[in-house]
Amino acid sequence: MSLDKATVRKIATLARIDVPEADLDATAARLSGILSWIEQLNEVNTDGVQPMSGGLDESMGLKLGWRADVVNDGGIRDKVLANAPDANGAFFGVPKVVE
């Protein structure tokens, strides 16, 4: 599938990405390359291949362990509050919204 400049311009507008007019041809070529690669992947025969939900498959003997479901604050409150524009003690200070 080949994309033209008008299609790339529309995609960029919908995605709210600023693509300069000078870069539209190069972007169209790159996106067309990606779409042709996806078309190649669609041609691969996947009959009999079980879908995987992630990188680990239980049939390979790999299984994620369970962790304890414990509620905690993470132990890094001071580090988190250091990023706050307005920390008020142990809380985030936020502007008043309602009078």
C-alpha atoms as a PDB file:
ATOM      1  CA  MET A   1       0.000   0.000   0.000  1.00  0.00           C
ATOM      2  CA  SER A   2       1.376   3.376  -0.967  1.00  0.00           C
ATOM      3  CA  LEU A   3       0.430   6.594   0.802  1.00  0.00           C
ATOM      4  CA  ASP A   4       0.445  10.004  -0.830  1.00  0.00           C
ATOM      5  CA  LYS A   5       1.157  13.392   0.739  1.00  0.00           C
ATOM      6  CA  ALA A   6      -2.525  14.234   1.180  1.00  0.00           C
ATOM      7  CA  THR A   7      -3.169  11.021   3.139  1.00  0.00           C
ATOM      8  CA  VAL A   8      -0.123  11.589   5.348  1.00  0.00           C
ATOM      9  CA  ARG A   9      -1.239  15.172   5.977  1.00  0.00           C
ATOM     10  CA  LYS A  10      -4.691  13.912   7.032  1.00  0.00           C
ATOM     11  CA  ILE A  11      -3.195  11.209   9.284  1.00  0.00           C
ATOM     12  CA  ALA A  12      -0.921  13.801  10.904  1.00  0.00           C
ATOM     13  CA  THR A  13      -3.876  16.117  11.486  1.00  0.00           C
ATOM     14  CA  LEU A  14      -5.970  13.337  13.042  1.00  0.00           C
ATOM     15  CA  ALA A  15      -3.041  12.295  15.246  1.00  0.00           C
ATOM     16  CA  ARG A  16      -2.365  15.943  16.116  1.00  0.00           C
ATOM     17  CA  ILE A  17       1.228  15.629  14.911  1.00  0.00           C
ATOM     18  CA  ASP A  18       2.923  18.559  13.239  1.00  0.00           C
ATOM     19  CA  VAL A  19       4.628  17.255  10.099  1.00  0.00           C
ATOM     20  CA  PRO A  20       6.277  20.055   8.107  1.00  0.00           C
ATOM     21  CA  GLU A  21       5.400  20.227   4.419  1.00  0.00           C
ATOM     22  CA  ALA A  22       9.025  19.431   3.506  1.00  0.00           C
ATOM     23  CA  ASP A  23       8.880  16.159   5.476  1.00  0.00           C
ATOM     24  CA  LEU A  24       5.634  14.815   3.990  1.00  0.00           C
ATOM     25  CA  ASP A  25       7.328  12.865   1.169  1.00  0.00           C
ATOM     26  CA  ALA A  26       9.802  11.157   3.517  1.00  0.00           C
ATOM     27  CA  THR A  27       7.068  10.408   6.044  1.00  0.00           C
ATOM     28  CA  ALA A  28       4.854   8.964   3.305  1.00  0.00           C
ATOM     29  CA  ALA A  29       7.704   6.691   2.191  1.00  0.00           C
ATOM     30  CA  ARG A  30       8.346   5.478   5.752  1.00  0.00           C
ATOM     31  CA  LEU A  31       4.669   4.838   6.472  1.00  0.00           C
ATOM     32  CA  SER A  32       4.260   3.027   3.150  1.00  0.00           C
ATOM     33  CA  GLY A  33       7.214   0.821   4.080  1.00  0.00           C
ATOM     34  CA  ILE A  34       5.632  -0.010   7.429  1.00  0.00           C
ATOM     35  CA  LEU A  35       2.305  -0.861   5.778  1.00  0.00           C
ATOM     36  CA  SER A  36       3.996  -3.112   3.216  1.00  0.00           C
ATOM     37  CA  TRP A  37       5.805  -4.914   6.045  1.00  0.00           C
ATOM     38  CA  ILE A  38       2.438  -5.448   7.789  1.00  0.00           C
ATOM     39  CA  GLU A  39       1.035  -6.842   4.530  1.00  0.00           C
ATOM     40  CA  GLN A  40       3.932  -9.314   4.465  1.00  0.00           C
ATOM     41  CA  LEU A  41       3.102 -10.370   8.021  1.00  0.00           C
ATOM     42  CA  ASN A  42      -0.518 -10.964   7.014  1.00  0.00           C
ATOM     43  CA  GLU A  43       0.711 -13.537   4.484  1.00  0.00           C
ATOM     44  CA  VAL A  44       2.334 -15.709   7.178  1.00  0.00           C
ATOM     45  CA  ASN A  45       0.455 -18.960   7.787  1.00  0.00           C
ATOM     46  CA  THR A  46      -0.450 -19.085  11.473  1.00  0.00           C
ATOM     47  CA  ASP A  47      -2.750 -22.109  11.343  1.00  0.00           C
ATOM     48  CA  GLY A  48      -2.215 -24.272  14.398  1.00  0.00           C
ATOM     49  CA  VAL A  49      -0.278 -21.608  16.280  1.00  0.00           C
ATOM     50  CA  GLN A  50      -1.744 -20.957  19.697  1.00  0.00           C
ATOM     51  CA  PRO A  51      -2.077 -17.291  20.641  1.00  0.00           C
ATOM     52  CA  MET A  52       0.069 -16.077  23.512  1.00  0.00           C
ATOM     53  CA  SER A  53      -0.983 -13.490  26.049  1.00  0.00           C
ATOM     54  CA  GLY A  54       2.584 -12.356  26.660  1.00  0.00           C
ATOM     55  CA  GLY A  55       6.239 -13.259  26.318  1.00  0.00           C
ATOM     56  CA  LEU A  56       5.960 -16.169  28.739  1.00  0.00           C
ATOM     57  CA  ASP A  57       4.044 -19.282  27.778  1.00  0.00           C
ATOM     58  CA  GLU A  58       3.053 -21.871  30.385  1.00  0.00           C
ATOM     59  CA  SER A  59       3.547 -24.665  27.837  1.00  0.00           C
ATOM     60  CA  MET A  60       7.281 -23.852  27.958  1.00  0.00           C
ATOM     61  CA  GLY A  61       7.292 -24.395  31.710  1.00  0.00           C
ATOM     62  CA  LEU A  62       7.576 -20.698  32.445  1.00  0.00           C
ATOM     63  CA  LYS A  63       5.116 -19.311  34.923  1.00  0.00           C
ATOM     64  CA  LEU A  64       4.945 -16.025  36.757  1.00  0.00           C
ATOM     65  CA  GLY A  65       4.827 -16.286  40.517  1.00  0.00           C
ATOM     66  CA  TRP A  66       2.097 -14.742  42.606  1.00  0.00           C
ATOM     67  CA  ARG A  67       2.925 -11.840  44.871  1.00  0.00           C
ATOM     68  CA  ALA A  68       1.192 -10.955  48.096  1.00  0.00           C
ATOM     69  CA  ASP A  69      -1.670  -8.517  47.601  1.00  0.00           C
ATOM     70  CA  VAL A  70      -0.576  -5.939  50.158  1.00  0.00           C
ATOM     71  CA  VAL A  71      -1.709  -2.321  50.238  1.00  0.00           C
ATOM     72  CA  ASN A  72       1.168   0.064  50.929  1.00  0.00           C
ATOM     73  CA  ASP A  73       2.385   3.520  50.034  1.00  0.00           C
ATOM     74  CA  GLY A  74       5.477   2.292  48.201  1.00  0.00           C
ATOM     75  CA  GLY A  75       7.804   3.679  50.840  1.00  0.00           C
ATOM     76  CA  ILE A  76       8.942   6.620  48.702  1.00  0.00           C
ATOM     77  CA  ARG A  77       6.539   9.382  49.775  1.00  0.00           C
ATOM     78  CA  ASP A  78       9.289  11.999  50.103  1.00  0.00           C
ATOM     79  CA  LYS A  79      10.615  11.248  46.595  1.00  0.00           C
ATOM     80  CA  VAL A  80       7.123  11.510  45.108  1.00  0.00           C
ATOM     81  CA  LEU A  81       6.367  14.759  46.927  1.00  0.00           C
ATOM     82  CA  ALA A  82       9.702  16.200  45.764  1.00  0.00           C
ATOM     83  CA  ASN A  83       8.167  16.303  42.255  1.00  0.00           C
ATOM     84  CA  ALA A  84       5.083  18.211  43.398  1.00  0.00           C
ATOM     85  CA  PRO A  85       4.922  21.868  42.383  1.00  0.00           C
ATOM     86  CA  ASP A  86       3.203  22.644  45.715  1.00  0.00           C
ATOM     87  CA  ALA A  87       3.726  20.080  48.477  1.00  0.00           C
ATOM     88  CA  ASN A  88       1.804  20.793  51.669  1.00  0.00           C
ATOM     89  CA  GLY A  89       3.192  18.545  54.388  1.00  0.00           C
ATOM     90  CA  ALA A  90       2.521  14.964  53.282  1.00  0.00           C
ATOM     91  CA  PHE A  91       0.001  16.045  50.618  1.00  0.00           C
ATOM     92  CA  PHE A  92      -0.099  17.597  47.153  1.00  0.00           C
ATOM     93  CA  GLY A  93      -1.247  21.209  47.158  1.00  0.00           C
ATOM     94  CA  VAL A  94      -3.729  21.896  44.374  1.00  0.00           C
ATOM     95  CA  PRO A  95      -5.395  25.123  43.278  1.00  0.00           C
ATOM     96  CA  LYS A  96      -8.901  25.811  44.520  1.00  0.00           C
ATOM     97  CA  VAL A  97     -11.426  24.944  41.817  1.00  0.00           C
ATOM     98  CA  VAL A  98     -14.782  25.582  43.437  1.00  0.00           C
ATOM     99  CA  GLU A  99     -15.650  28.776  45.323  1.00  0.00           C
END
